[in-house]
Amino acid sequence: MLALPDIDAVMTANKHRFTNINTLSKNYINYQNVAILLKEHAVSLNSIADIGHYSIASFQIAHTILE
């Protein structure tokens, strides 16, 4: 997106998405990725692999950002 003539900045980018790290700023926000589910479903997650049996809602392109 930074290559587009009318875009001056993008948010929530990292070195996995932009190979030219000279265009990136220092970190300005940190996220903690968590799984949230209803207590009444009594789901027990012990590892990230445990969520593989469930439908997941996430932010756009999370599969590439969370590598």
Foldseek 3Di string as FASTA:
>chain_A
DCVDPVDDDDPDDDCLRPVPCVVDDPDDDDDDDDDDDDVVVVDDDDDPVSCVVDDDDDDPPCVRSVD
